């Protein structure tokens, strides 16, 4: 059997987190190259003889995982990319770079695309890479997506939870705010379900990619996408506010809900890892709101919040 080596360069404090991702995705072996650990052994006298005179301390380590080239490889590679993107969102200060190798090193920024295939989410959504063909039925709501190098494909658990919730709540003509739009997949999905959408992100690159994906899906007339903070990107009030971010940002958003959301509106808050759910729920109650629904998948949670 052939094996695919994935090498992730990460800040030293992220070593265990990356190794854990590899193991959870079914990696058959993990190797860690950590100069700082080697130096600790040398300084402590654990290794009396060594040949590391030119050891370079970079503050990073390389975590390598090995995956069998079997029928689950494509699923695992897309899942790996989504997990690493979410890790970068949780810890934006970390260095995080990825390479793949079979016989020689390849650029993961492009190489991962051969593993991203059309996938069905929820009742009707069909997420299709822009470079792939798919069999489409009359009932499908097709979302073509080109996530670029830095944004998710829509297959991560946090995004799946949002897509499923949008299916439940979006009706023709409602106003949706998509906060932290990233690739724009949630904005496109809401527009395809009949909503008028305002989307925003503090990252100008995200806004550029989101606009491209709106055009790719022919919903640019229903989706307004802006760069900036809440006051710069959004105006008026929405029937539905969706944010697929992280727990800390969700908590910061809660006091802003009266400005962002209509009195009878709903806030769909995703990107919350299981061990942070109670903390977010406490902040919701302190602010006078109530949680009317909670959905979980793969260790992540989406909360449905109302006044």
Foldseek 3Di string as FASTA:
>chain_A
DFKKKKKKKKQPVCQVVLVVLLVVLPFPDKDKAALVVVVVCVVVCVDVDDDCPVRDHDRIMMMMTMGDPDPCVLVSLLQSVVSQLLVCLVPVVMDIAMWMDRPDIDHSLPVNVVSDAWDDAADAEIEGEPPDDDDDDPRHLYQYFDQGRRAHSQPDPQSSVLLNVLVVPAAAAFEEEEEQCRQQRSVLSSVSRHYQYFYEHQDPVSQVNNCVSCVVSVSNVRYHYDHDDPVGRDDDEGQEYEYAGELVVLLVCLVVNVRHHDQNHKYKYWNYFQVCVVVSQVSCVVSPKHFPDWDDDPRIIITIIHD
